[in-house]
Amino acid sequence: MKDVCAWLVGFVALAFAARYVHQVKQGKVAPALSTWLIFLVGVVLSFITYAVAEKRDFRSGVLNTVDLVSISFIVAGILMWGERNVRFKPFEKWHLAASGVLVLYGVCTGDAWNSNLLAQVLIGIAYFPTWQNLVTRKRNTESWSGWALNLTASALALYPAFADGNKLAAIYACRAVTLIICTMFLMAYYDIRAWKQSK
């Protein structure tokens, strides 16, 4: 069952990336490039520290592995067809600086476990530009189908993480599910608001 879930996570996550990039190309969504660049930095750090802390147990931590691939595709898609403006706001610059400090901390202490937990915090903060993008534009600029696929992959990843008792993989998947739901609530708010205003 764990292997089936791991394969499903990979398939759904890649479907999410393909759908999202397709919608970027069509101009149907306007993602914040800074969010996805910061996601990429955080996921790379998380992947490296997870591999060290959990002795490369990639089946339990399958979501982190496929996130690395899918987010790379999304960043490439935005750079090719989306808004390429990369004006980092002060907190985003802080975030990238914190990523550098995290790398330094991990190298100096050799504490991959705590470095991974700090990487989860950094990935969580990466949602802020997307949320700010929604609030600033006062409309939903995101993809329902894309985020629904992302939520499905994250929810499926809970099983191998908890079944194997892998705490870091469980934290990664729980963090993803929680913050994706928060993003979708914000998307729903602006869609409902636009629907009411159109009546």
N, C-alpha and C. Protein backbone atom coordinates (compact mmCIF):
# COMPACT_ATOMS: atom_id res chain seq x y z
N MET A 1 0.83 -1.21 0.00
CA MET A 1 0.00 0.00 0.00
C MET A 1 0.87 1.26 0.00
N LYS A 2 1.99 1.21 0.75
CA LYS A 2 2.87 2.38 0.81
C LYS A 2 3.46 2.69 -0.56
N ASP A 3 3.84 1.63 -1.27
CA ASP A 3 4.41 1.83 -2.61
C ASP A 3 3.37 2.40 -3.57
N VAL A 4 2.14 1.92 -3.46
CA VAL A 4 1.06 2.44 -4.31
C VAL A 4 0.85 3.92 -4.04
N CYS A 5 0.81 4.29 -2.75
CA CYS A 5 0.63 5.71 -2.38
C CYS A 5 1.79 6.55 -2.90
N ALA A 6 3.00 6.03 -2.77
CA ALA A 6 4.17 6.78 -3.23
C ALA A 6 4.09 7.04 -4.74
N TRP A 7 3.69 6.02 -5.51
CA TRP A 7 3.55 6.20 -6.95
C TRP A 7 2.42 7.18 -7.27
N LEU A 8 1.33 7.10 -6.53
CA LEU A 8 0.21 8.03 -6.75
C LEU A 8 0.62 9.46 -6.45
N VAL A 9 1.38 9.65 -5.37
CA VAL A 9 1.87 10.99 -5.03
C VAL A 9 2.68 11.56 -6.19
N GLY A 10 3.58 10.74 -6.72
CA GLY A 10 4.41 11.18 -7.84
C GLY A 10 3.58 11.54 -9.06
N PHE A 11 2.62 10.68 -9.39
CA PHE A 11 1.78 10.92 -10.57
C PHE A 11 0.95 12.19 -10.41
N VAL A 12 0.30 12.34 -9.24
CA VAL A 12 -0.58 13.50 -9.03
C VAL A 12 0.24 14.79 -8.95
N ALA A 13 1.40 14.75 -8.31
CA ALA A 13 2.24 15.95 -8.22
C ALA A 13 2.72 16.40 -9.60
N LEU A 14 3.08 15.46 -10.45
CA LEU A 14 3.50 15.82 -11.81
C LEU A 14 2.32 16.32 -12.63
N ALA A 15 1.13 15.75 -12.39
CA ALA A 15 -0.08 16.25 -13.06
C ALA A 15 -0.37 17.68 -12.62
N PHE A 16 -0.17 17.96 -11.34
CA PHE A 16 -0.32 19.34 -10.83
C PHE A 16 0.62 20.28 -11.55
N ALA A 17 1.89 19.91 -11.64
CA ALA A 17 2.88 20.78 -12.30
C ALA A 17 2.51 21.01 -13.76
N ALA A 18 2.12 19.95 -14.46
CA ALA A 18 1.76 20.06 -15.88
C ALA A 18 0.54 20.96 -16.06
N ARG A 19 -0.47 20.77 -15.21
CA ARG A 19 -1.70 21.58 -15.29
C ARG A 19 -1.39 23.04 -14.99
N TYR A 20 -0.61 23.28 -13.96
CA TYR A 20 -0.30 24.65 -13.55
C TYR A 20 0.49 25.37 -14.64
N VAL A 21 1.50 24.70 -15.18
CA VAL A 21 2.32 25.31 -16.24
C VAL A 21 1.47 25.57 -17.48
N HIS A 22 0.57 24.64 -17.81
CA HIS A 22 -0.32 24.82 -18.95
C HIS A 22 -1.18 26.07 -18.77
N GLN A 23 -1.70 26.27 -17.56
CA GLN A 23 -2.53 27.44 -17.30
C GLN A 23 -1.72 28.73 -17.29
N VAL A 24 -0.46 28.66 -16.84
CA VAL A 24 0.42 29.82 -16.92
C VAL A 24 0.63 30.19 -18.39
N LYS A 25 0.89 29.18 -19.22
CA LYS A 25 1.13 29.41 -20.65
C LYS A 25 -0.09 30.04 -21.32
N GLN A 26 -1.28 29.61 -20.91
CA GLN A 26 -2.51 30.14 -21.49
C GLN A 26 -2.89 31.51 -20.92
N GLY A 27 -2.17 31.94 -19.87
CA GLY A 27 -2.48 33.23 -19.24
C GLY A 27 -3.69 33.18 -18.33
N LYS A 28 -4.09 31.96 -17.93
CA LYS A 28 -5.27 31.81 -17.06
C LYS A 28 -4.94 32.03 -15.58
N VAL A 29 -3.68 31.88 -15.22
CA VAL A 29 -3.25 32.15 -13.84
C VAL A 29 -2.05 33.08 -13.88
N ALA A 30 -1.92 33.86 -12.80
CA ALA A 30 -0.80 34.82 -12.72
C ALA A 30 -0.07 34.60 -11.41
N PRO A 31 0.74 33.54 -11.33
CA PRO A 31 1.42 33.25 -10.07
C PRO A 31 2.54 34.23 -9.77
N ALA A 32 2.82 34.37 -8.48
CA ALA A 32 3.94 35.21 -8.05
C ALA A 32 5.22 34.40 -8.20
N LEU A 33 6.10 34.81 -9.12
CA LEU A 33 7.35 34.09 -9.36
C LEU A 33 8.17 33.96 -8.08
N SER A 34 8.16 35.03 -7.26
CA SER A 34 8.95 35.00 -6.03
C SER A 34 8.52 33.86 -5.11
N THR A 35 7.20 33.56 -5.07
CA THR A 35 6.73 32.43 -4.26
C THR A 35 7.39 31.14 -4.72
N TRP A 36 7.40 30.91 -6.02
CA TRP A 36 7.90 29.64 -6.53
C TRP A 36 9.42 29.53 -6.45
N LEU A 37 10.11 30.66 -6.58
CA LEU A 37 11.57 30.64 -6.39
C LEU A 37 11.91 30.33 -4.94
N ILE A 38 11.16 30.94 -4.02
CA ILE A 38 11.39 30.69 -2.60
C ILE A 38 11.00 29.26 -2.24
N PHE A 39 9.90 28.76 -2.83
CA PHE A 39 9.54 27.35 -2.65
C PHE A 39 10.70 26.45 -3.08
N LEU A 40 11.27 26.76 -4.24
CA LEU A 40 12.35 25.93 -4.77
C LEU A 40 13.54 25.90 -3.84
N VAL A 41 13.94 27.07 -3.34
CA VAL A 41 15.07 27.13 -2.40
C VAL A 41 14.76 26.31 -1.14
N GLY A 42 13.54 26.51 -0.60
CA GLY A 42 13.16 25.78 0.62
C GLY A 42 13.08 24.29 0.41
N VAL A 43 12.54 23.87 -0.73
CA VAL A 43 12.38 22.43 -1.00
C VAL A 43 13.75 21.77 -1.22
N VAL A 44 14.66 22.47 -1.89
CA VAL A 44 16.02 21.93 -2.06
C VAL A 44 16.68 21.73 -0.70
N LEU A 45 16.58 22.75 0.17
CA LEU A 45 17.16 22.63 1.52
C LEU A 45 16.50 21.50 2.30
N SER A 46 15.17 21.41 2.19
CA SER A 46 14.44 20.36 2.89
C SER A 46 14.86 18.98 2.38
N PHE A 47 14.99 18.84 1.08
CA PHE A 47 15.35 17.56 0.47
C PHE A 47 16.74 17.10 0.94
N ILE A 48 17.69 18.02 0.94
CA ILE A 48 19.07 17.67 1.34
C ILE A 48 19.11 17.28 2.82
N THR A 49 18.49 18.10 3.67
CA THR A 49 18.54 17.81 5.11
C THR A 49 17.75 16.56 5.45
N TYR A 50 16.64 16.33 4.73
CA TYR A 50 15.86 15.11 4.95
C TYR A 50 16.68 13.87 4.57
N ALA A 51 17.35 13.92 3.42
CA ALA A 51 18.14 12.78 2.96
C ALA A 51 19.21 12.41 3.97
N VAL A 52 19.80 13.41 4.60
CA VAL A 52 20.84 13.15 5.61
C VAL A 52 20.22 12.64 6.90
N ALA A 53 19.16 13.32 7.38
CA ALA A 53 18.56 12.97 8.68
C ALA A 53 17.86 11.62 8.65
N GLU A 54 17.24 11.27 7.54
CA GLU A 54 16.44 10.04 7.47
C GLU A 54 17.09 8.95 6.61
N LYS A 55 18.39 9.08 6.40
CA LYS A 55 19.15 8.06 5.66
C LYS A 55 18.50 7.70 4.32
N ARG A 56 18.12 8.72 3.59
CA ARG A 56 17.56 8.58 2.24
C ARG A 56 16.32 7.70 2.16
N ASP A 57 15.43 7.83 3.14
CA ASP A 57 14.16 7.10 3.10
C ASP A 57 13.17 7.88 2.22
N PHE A 58 13.37 7.78 0.90
CA PHE A 58 12.60 8.60 -0.02
C PHE A 58 11.17 8.09 -0.22
N ARG A 59 10.90 6.85 0.15
CA ARG A 59 9.52 6.35 0.02
C ARG A 59 8.62 7.06 1.03
N SER A 60 9.07 7.14 2.28
CA SER A 60 8.27 7.83 3.29
C SER A 60 8.19 9.33 2.99
N GLY A 61 9.28 9.90 2.50
CA GLY A 61 9.33 11.33 2.20
C GLY A 61 9.14 11.61 0.73
N VAL A 62 8.27 10.83 0.08
CA VAL A 62 8.09 10.95 -1.36
C VAL A 62 7.64 12.35 -1.78
N LEU A 63 6.84 13.02 -0.95
CA LEU A 63 6.32 14.33 -1.33
C LEU A 63 7.44 15.34 -1.52
N ASN A 64 8.43 15.33 -0.64
CA ASN A 64 9.56 16.25 -0.76
C ASN A 64 10.31 16.00 -2.06
N THR A 65 10.47 14.72 -2.41
CA THR A 65 11.19 14.35 -3.63
C THR A 65 10.45 14.83 -4.87
N VAL A 66 9.16 14.55 -4.96
CA VAL A 66 8.40 14.95 -6.15
C VAL A 66 8.17 16.46 -6.18
N ASP A 67 8.11 17.10 -5.01
CA ASP A 67 8.00 18.56 -4.97
C ASP A 67 9.20 19.21 -5.64
N LEU A 68 10.36 18.64 -5.41
CA LEU A 68 11.59 19.17 -6.01
C LEU A 68 11.47 19.18 -7.54
N VAL A 69 10.93 18.11 -8.09
CA VAL A 69 10.77 18.01 -9.55
C VAL A 69 9.65 18.93 -10.04
N SER A 70 8.47 18.85 -9.40
CA SER A 70 7.32 19.61 -9.88
C SER A 70 7.53 21.12 -9.75
N ILE A 71 8.14 21.55 -8.65
CA ILE A 71 8.37 23.00 -8.47
C ILE A 71 9.42 23.49 -9.47
N SER A 72 10.40 22.67 -9.78
CA SER A 72 11.38 23.05 -10.81
C SER A 72 10.68 23.27 -12.15
N PHE A 73 9.74 22.38 -12.51
CA PHE A 73 8.97 22.54 -13.75
C PHE A 73 8.15 23.84 -13.72
N ILE A 74 7.53 24.11 -12.58
CA ILE A 74 6.68 25.31 -12.47
C ILE A 74 7.52 26.58 -12.60
N VAL A 75 8.66 26.62 -11.93
CA VAL A 75 9.55 27.80 -12.05
C VAL A 75 9.97 27.99 -13.50
N ALA A 76 10.34 26.90 -14.17
CA ALA A 76 10.74 26.99 -15.58
C ALA A 76 9.58 27.48 -16.43
N GLY A 77 8.36 26.99 -16.15
CA GLY A 77 7.18 27.42 -16.90
C GLY A 77 6.88 28.90 -16.71
N ILE A 78 6.98 29.38 -15.47
CA ILE A 78 6.73 30.80 -15.21
C ILE A 78 7.78 31.66 -15.91
N LEU A 79 9.03 31.22 -15.87
CA LEU A 79 10.10 31.98 -16.52
C LEU A 79 9.90 32.04 -18.04
N MET A 80 9.33 30.98 -18.61
CA MET A 80 9.12 30.94 -20.06
C MET A 80 7.86 31.69 -20.49
N TRP A 81 6.76 31.54 -19.73
CA TRP A 81 5.48 32.06 -20.22
C TRP A 81 4.76 33.01 -19.25
N GLY A 82 5.22 33.13 -18.02
CA GLY A 82 4.51 33.94 -17.05
C GLY A 82 5.13 35.31 -16.85
N GLU A 83 4.69 35.96 -15.79
CA GLU A 83 5.26 37.26 -15.42
C GLU A 83 6.63 37.01 -14.81
N ARG A 84 7.64 37.60 -15.43
CA ARG A 84 9.02 37.30 -15.00
C ARG A 84 9.56 38.31 -14.01
N ASN A 85 8.73 39.26 -13.60
CA ASN A 85 9.21 40.26 -12.65
C ASN A 85 9.65 39.60 -11.36
N VAL A 86 10.88 39.81 -10.99
CA VAL A 86 11.37 39.25 -9.73
C VAL A 86 11.86 40.42 -8.88
N ARG A 87 10.90 41.15 -8.33
CA ARG A 87 11.25 42.22 -7.40
C ARG A 87 10.98 41.69 -6.01
N PHE A 88 12.04 41.29 -5.34
CA PHE A 88 11.85 40.72 -4.01
C PHE A 88 11.51 41.80 -3.00
N LYS A 89 10.44 41.56 -2.26
CA LYS A 89 10.06 42.48 -1.19
C LYS A 89 11.01 42.26 -0.02
N PRO A 90 11.04 43.21 0.93
CA PRO A 90 11.98 43.08 2.05
C PRO A 90 11.91 41.73 2.77
N PHE A 91 10.68 41.24 3.03
CA PHE A 91 10.60 39.97 3.77
C PHE A 91 11.07 38.80 2.91
N GLU A 92 10.95 38.92 1.58
CA GLU A 92 11.44 37.85 0.70
C GLU A 92 12.97 37.84 0.68
N LYS A 93 13.56 39.02 0.73
CA LYS A 93 15.02 39.10 0.82
C LYS A 93 15.48 38.50 2.15
N TRP A 94 14.72 38.78 3.21
CA TRP A 94 15.03 38.19 4.51
C TRP A 94 14.94 36.67 4.43
N HIS A 95 13.92 36.19 3.73
CA HIS A 95 13.72 34.75 3.59
C HIS A 95 14.92 34.09 2.91
N LEU A 96 15.39 34.69 1.84
CA LEU A 96 16.54 34.12 1.12
C LEU A 96 17.81 34.19 1.97
N ALA A 97 17.95 35.29 2.72
CA ALA A 97 19.10 35.40 3.63
C ALA A 97 19.02 34.33 4.70
N ALA A 98 17.79 34.09 5.21
CA ALA A 98 17.60 33.05 6.23
C ALA A 98 17.94 31.67 5.66
N SER A 99 17.68 31.45 4.37
CA SER A 99 18.04 30.19 3.73
C SER A 99 19.55 30.00 3.76
N GLY A 100 20.28 31.09 3.50
CA GLY A 100 21.74 31.02 3.57
C GLY A 100 22.23 30.71 4.97
N VAL A 101 21.59 31.32 5.97
CA VAL A 101 21.95 31.06 7.37
C VAL A 101 21.65 29.60 7.71
N LEU A 102 20.54 29.08 7.20
CA LEU A 102 20.17 27.69 7.46
C LEU A 102 21.22 26.73 6.89
N VAL A 103 21.69 27.02 5.69
CA VAL A 103 22.75 26.19 5.10
C VAL A 103 23.99 26.24 5.97
N LEU A 104 24.36 27.43 6.40
CA LEU A 104 25.54 27.61 7.25
C LEU A 104 25.37 26.85 8.57
N TYR A 105 24.17 26.94 9.16
CA TYR A 105 23.88 26.24 10.41
C TYR A 105 24.03 24.73 10.23
N GLY A 106 23.44 24.22 9.14
CA GLY A 106 23.51 22.78 8.88
C GLY A 106 24.93 22.29 8.68
N VAL A 107 25.74 23.08 7.95
CA VAL A 107 27.12 22.69 7.68
C VAL A 107 27.95 22.73 8.96
N CYS A 108 27.76 23.79 9.75
CA CYS A 108 28.58 23.97 10.96
C CYS A 108 28.21 22.98 12.07
N THR A 109 26.92 22.68 12.22
CA THR A 109 26.49 21.83 13.34
C THR A 109 26.32 20.37 12.92
N GLY A 110 26.08 20.12 11.66
CA GLY A 110 25.80 18.76 11.21
C GLY A 110 24.44 18.27 11.69
N ASP A 111 23.58 19.20 12.15
CA ASP A 111 22.27 18.85 12.70
C ASP A 111 21.23 18.90 11.58
N ALA A 112 21.11 17.82 10.82
CA ALA A 112 20.20 17.78 9.68
C ALA A 112 18.73 17.81 10.13
N TRP A 113 18.44 17.20 11.29
CA TRP A 113 17.05 17.13 11.78
C TRP A 113 16.49 18.53 12.01
N ASN A 114 17.18 19.34 12.82
CA ASN A 114 16.70 20.70 13.10
C ASN A 114 16.77 21.58 11.87
N SER A 115 17.77 21.36 11.02
CA SER A 115 17.85 22.12 9.77
C SER A 115 16.62 21.85 8.91
N ASN A 116 16.15 20.60 8.91
CA ASN A 116 14.96 20.27 8.13
C ASN A 116 13.73 20.97 8.70
N LEU A 117 13.61 21.01 10.02
CA LEU A 117 12.47 21.71 10.64
C LEU A 117 12.48 23.19 10.28
N LEU A 118 13.67 23.79 10.28
CA LEU A 118 13.78 25.20 9.90
C LEU A 118 13.42 25.39 8.44
N ALA A 119 13.77 24.42 7.60
CA ALA A 119 13.40 24.49 6.18
C ALA A 119 11.89 24.48 6.01
N GLN A 120 11.16 23.74 6.87
CA GLN A 120 9.69 23.73 6.80
C GLN A 120 9.12 25.11 7.10
N VAL A 121 9.74 25.80 8.05
CA VAL A 121 9.31 27.17 8.36
C VAL A 121 9.53 28.07 7.15
N LEU A 122 10.68 27.94 6.51
CA LEU A 122 10.98 28.76 5.33
C LEU A 122 10.01 28.46 4.19
N ILE A 123 9.68 27.19 3.98
CA ILE A 123 8.71 26.83 2.93
C ILE A 123 7.35 27.42 3.27
N GLY A 124 6.97 27.39 4.54
CA GLY A 124 5.70 27.98 4.96
C GLY A 124 5.63 29.47 4.66
N ILE A 125 6.72 30.16 4.91
CA ILE A 125 6.78 31.60 4.65
C ILE A 125 6.68 31.88 3.15
N ALA A 126 7.09 30.92 2.32
CA ALA A 126 7.05 31.11 0.87
C ALA A 126 5.63 31.28 0.34
N TYR A 127 4.61 30.89 1.12
CA TYR A 127 3.23 31.10 0.68
C TYR A 127 2.83 32.57 0.73
N PHE A 128 3.52 33.37 1.53
CA PHE A 128 3.12 34.76 1.72
C PHE A 128 3.01 35.57 0.44
N PRO A 129 3.97 35.49 -0.52
CA PRO A 129 3.80 36.28 -1.74
C PRO A 129 2.54 35.91 -2.53
N THR A 130 2.18 34.62 -2.54
CA THR A 130 0.95 34.22 -3.23
C THR A 130 -0.26 34.80 -2.52
N TRP A 131 -0.28 34.71 -1.20
CA TRP A 131 -1.40 35.29 -0.45
C TRP A 131 -1.47 36.80 -0.67
N GLN A 132 -0.31 37.45 -0.65
CA GLN A 132 -0.27 38.89 -0.87
C GLN A 132 -0.75 39.24 -2.28
N ASN A 133 -0.38 38.42 -3.24
CA ASN A 133 -0.81 38.61 -4.63
C ASN A 133 -2.34 38.57 -4.73
N LEU A 134 -2.95 37.61 -4.03
CA LEU A 134 -4.41 37.51 -4.03
C LEU A 134 -5.05 38.72 -3.37
N VAL A 135 -4.51 39.13 -2.23
CA VAL A 135 -5.07 40.26 -1.48
C VAL A 135 -4.89 41.57 -2.24
N THR A 136 -3.71 41.76 -2.83
CA THR A 136 -3.42 43.00 -3.56
C THR A 136 -4.30 43.13 -4.80
N ARG A 137 -4.46 42.05 -5.55
CA ARG A 137 -5.26 42.10 -6.78
C ARG A 137 -6.76 42.00 -6.49
N LYS A 138 -7.10 41.59 -5.27
CA LYS A 138 -8.49 41.45 -4.84
C LYS A 138 -9.30 40.54 -5.78
N ARG A 139 -8.62 39.51 -6.29
CA ARG A 139 -9.29 38.51 -7.12
C ARG A 139 -8.45 37.24 -7.08
N ASN A 140 -9.07 36.14 -7.47
CA ASN A 140 -8.37 34.87 -7.49
C ASN A 140 -7.50 34.78 -8.74
N THR A 141 -6.19 34.74 -8.55
CA THR A 141 -5.26 34.65 -9.68
C THR A 141 -4.64 33.26 -9.76
N GLU A 142 -5.19 32.33 -9.00
CA GLU A 142 -4.61 30.99 -8.91
C GLU A 142 -5.50 29.94 -9.56
N SER A 143 -4.94 28.74 -9.71
CA SER A 143 -5.60 27.64 -10.40
C SER A 143 -6.27 26.68 -9.41
N TRP A 144 -7.61 26.55 -9.53
CA TRP A 144 -8.32 25.62 -8.66
C TRP A 144 -7.89 24.18 -8.92
N SER A 145 -7.83 23.81 -10.20
CA SER A 145 -7.47 22.43 -10.53
C SER A 145 -6.04 22.13 -10.10
N GLY A 146 -5.14 23.10 -10.30
CA GLY A 146 -3.74 22.91 -9.91
C GLY A 146 -3.59 22.71 -8.41
N TRP A 147 -4.19 23.61 -7.64
CA TRP A 147 -4.06 23.50 -6.18
C TRP A 147 -4.80 22.28 -5.64
N ALA A 148 -5.90 21.89 -6.29
CA ALA A 148 -6.62 20.68 -5.85
C ALA A 148 -5.74 19.44 -6.06
N LEU A 149 -5.04 19.39 -7.20
CA LEU A 149 -4.11 18.27 -7.44
C LEU A 149 -2.96 18.30 -6.42
N ASN A 150 -2.47 19.50 -6.11
CA ASN A 150 -1.40 19.63 -5.12
C ASN A 150 -1.86 19.14 -3.75
N LEU A 151 -3.09 19.50 -3.38
CA LEU A 151 -3.65 19.06 -2.11
C LEU A 151 -3.82 17.54 -2.10
N THR A 152 -4.26 16.97 -3.21
CA THR A 152 -4.43 15.51 -3.30
C THR A 152 -3.10 14.79 -3.11
N ALA A 153 -2.06 15.28 -3.80
CA ALA A 153 -0.73 14.66 -3.66
C ALA A 153 -0.24 14.74 -2.22
N SER A 154 -0.44 15.90 -1.60
CA SER A 154 0.02 16.09 -0.21
C SER A 154 -0.74 15.20 0.75
N ALA A 155 -2.06 15.06 0.54
CA ALA A 155 -2.87 14.20 1.41
C ALA A 155 -2.47 12.73 1.24
N LEU A 156 -2.23 12.31 -0.01
CA LEU A 156 -1.79 10.93 -0.25
C LEU A 156 -0.45 10.65 0.42
N ALA A 157 0.41 11.66 0.49
CA ALA A 157 1.74 11.49 1.08
C ALA A 157 1.70 11.28 2.59
N LEU A 158 0.56 11.59 3.20
CA LEU A 158 0.44 11.39 4.65
C LEU A 158 0.55 9.90 5.00
N TYR A 159 0.00 9.04 4.15
CA TYR A 159 -0.02 7.61 4.49
C TYR A 159 1.38 7.00 4.61
N PRO A 160 2.24 7.10 3.58
CA PRO A 160 3.56 6.49 3.75
C PRO A 160 4.37 7.13 4.88
N ALA A 161 4.17 8.43 5.11
CA ALA A 161 4.91 9.10 6.18
C ALA A 161 4.51 8.57 7.55
N PHE A 162 3.20 8.47 7.80
CA PHE A 162 2.72 8.01 9.10
C PHE A 162 2.85 6.49 9.25
N ALA A 163 2.66 5.75 8.16
CA ALA A 163 2.76 4.28 8.22
C ALA A 163 4.17 3.85 8.61
N ASP A 164 5.17 4.57 8.14
CA ASP A 164 6.56 4.25 8.46
C ASP A 164 7.05 4.95 9.72
N GLY A 165 6.18 5.78 10.32
CA GLY A 165 6.56 6.50 11.54
C GLY A 165 7.67 7.51 11.30
N ASN A 166 7.71 8.06 10.09
CA ASN A 166 8.76 9.01 9.72
C ASN A 166 8.30 10.42 10.07
N LYS A 167 8.82 10.97 11.16
CA LYS A 167 8.33 12.25 11.67
C LYS A 167 8.59 13.40 10.72
N LEU A 168 9.77 13.46 10.12
CA LEU A 168 10.07 14.58 9.22
C LEU A 168 9.19 14.53 7.98
N ALA A 169 8.96 13.34 7.44
CA ALA A 169 8.07 13.21 6.28
C ALA A 169 6.64 13.60 6.65
N ALA A 170 6.20 13.22 7.86
CA ALA A 170 4.86 13.56 8.33
C ALA A 170 4.71 15.07 8.51
N ILE A 171 5.73 15.71 9.07
CA ILE A 171 5.70 17.16 9.26
C ILE A 171 5.62 17.85 7.90
N TYR A 172 6.41 17.38 6.94
CA TYR A 172 6.42 17.97 5.60
C TYR A 172 5.03 17.89 4.97
N ALA A 173 4.43 16.69 5.02
CA ALA A 173 3.11 16.50 4.40
C ALA A 173 2.02 17.29 5.13
N CYS A 174 2.06 17.29 6.46
CA CYS A 174 1.05 18.04 7.24
C CYS A 174 1.16 19.53 6.98
N ARG A 175 2.39 20.04 6.91
CA ARG A 175 2.59 21.46 6.61
C ARG A 175 2.02 21.79 5.23
N ALA A 176 2.28 20.92 4.27
CA ALA A 176 1.78 21.16 2.91
C ALA A 176 0.25 21.17 2.88
N VAL A 177 -0.39 20.17 3.47
CA VAL A 177 -1.86 20.09 3.47
C VAL A 177 -2.46 21.34 4.12
N THR A 178 -1.93 21.72 5.27
CA THR A 178 -2.48 22.87 6.01
C THR A 178 -2.38 24.16 5.21
N LEU A 179 -1.23 24.44 4.64
CA LEU A 179 -1.03 25.71 3.95
C LEU A 179 -1.71 25.74 2.58
N ILE A 180 -1.84 24.59 1.94
CA ILE A 180 -2.60 24.55 0.68
C ILE A 180 -4.07 24.84 0.96
N ILE A 181 -4.61 24.27 2.04
CA ILE A 181 -6.01 24.54 2.41
C ILE A 181 -6.19 26.03 2.70
N CYS A 182 -5.24 26.64 3.41
CA CYS A 182 -5.33 28.09 3.68
C CYS A 182 -5.35 28.88 2.38
N THR A 183 -4.50 28.49 1.42
CA THR A 183 -4.46 29.17 0.12
C THR A 183 -5.79 29.03 -0.60
N MET A 184 -6.37 27.84 -0.56
CA MET A 184 -7.63 27.60 -1.26
C MET A 184 -8.80 28.33 -0.59
N PHE A 185 -8.74 28.50 0.72
CA PHE A 185 -9.77 29.30 1.39
C PHE A 185 -9.72 30.75 0.91
N LEU A 186 -8.51 31.27 0.78
CA LEU A 186 -8.33 32.65 0.29
C LEU A 186 -8.81 32.77 -1.16
N MET A 187 -8.50 31.77 -1.99
CA MET A 187 -8.99 31.75 -3.37
C MET A 187 -10.52 31.75 -3.39
N ALA A 188 -11.12 30.93 -2.54
CA ALA A 188 -12.59 30.83 -2.47
C ALA A 188 -13.20 32.16 -2.05
N TYR A 189 -12.56 32.83 -1.09
CA TYR A 189 -13.07 34.12 -0.62
C TYR A 189 -13.19 35.10 -1.77
N TYR A 190 -12.14 35.21 -2.59
CA TYR A 190 -12.17 36.17 -3.69
C TYR A 190 -13.09 35.73 -4.83
N ASP A 191 -13.22 34.43 -5.05
CA ASP A 191 -14.17 33.96 -6.06
C ASP A 191 -15.61 34.24 -5.63
N ILE A 192 -15.92 33.98 -4.36
CA ILE A 192 -17.28 34.25 -3.85
C ILE A 192 -17.56 35.74 -3.87
N ARG A 193 -16.56 36.54 -3.50
CA ARG A 193 -16.72 38.00 -3.51
C ARG A 193 -17.01 38.51 -4.93
N ALA A 194 -16.27 37.99 -5.91
CA ALA A 194 -16.48 38.40 -7.30
C ALA A 194 -17.87 37.97 -7.79
N TRP A 195 -18.30 36.77 -7.38
CA TRP A 195 -19.62 36.27 -7.75
C TRP A 195 -20.72 37.16 -7.19
N LYS A 196 -20.57 37.57 -5.92
CA LYS A 196 -21.59 38.45 -5.29
C LYS A 196 -21.62 39.81 -5.96
N GLN A 197 -20.45 40.33 -6.34
CA GLN A 197 -20.40 41.65 -6.96
C GLN A 197 -20.98 41.63 -8.37
N SER A 198 -20.96 40.46 -9.01
CA SER A 198 -21.48 40.36 -10.38
C SER A 198 -22.99 40.21 -10.44
N LYS A 199 -23.61 39.95 -9.28
CA LYS A 199 -25.06 39.75 -9.24
C LYS A 199 -25.81 41.07 -9.32
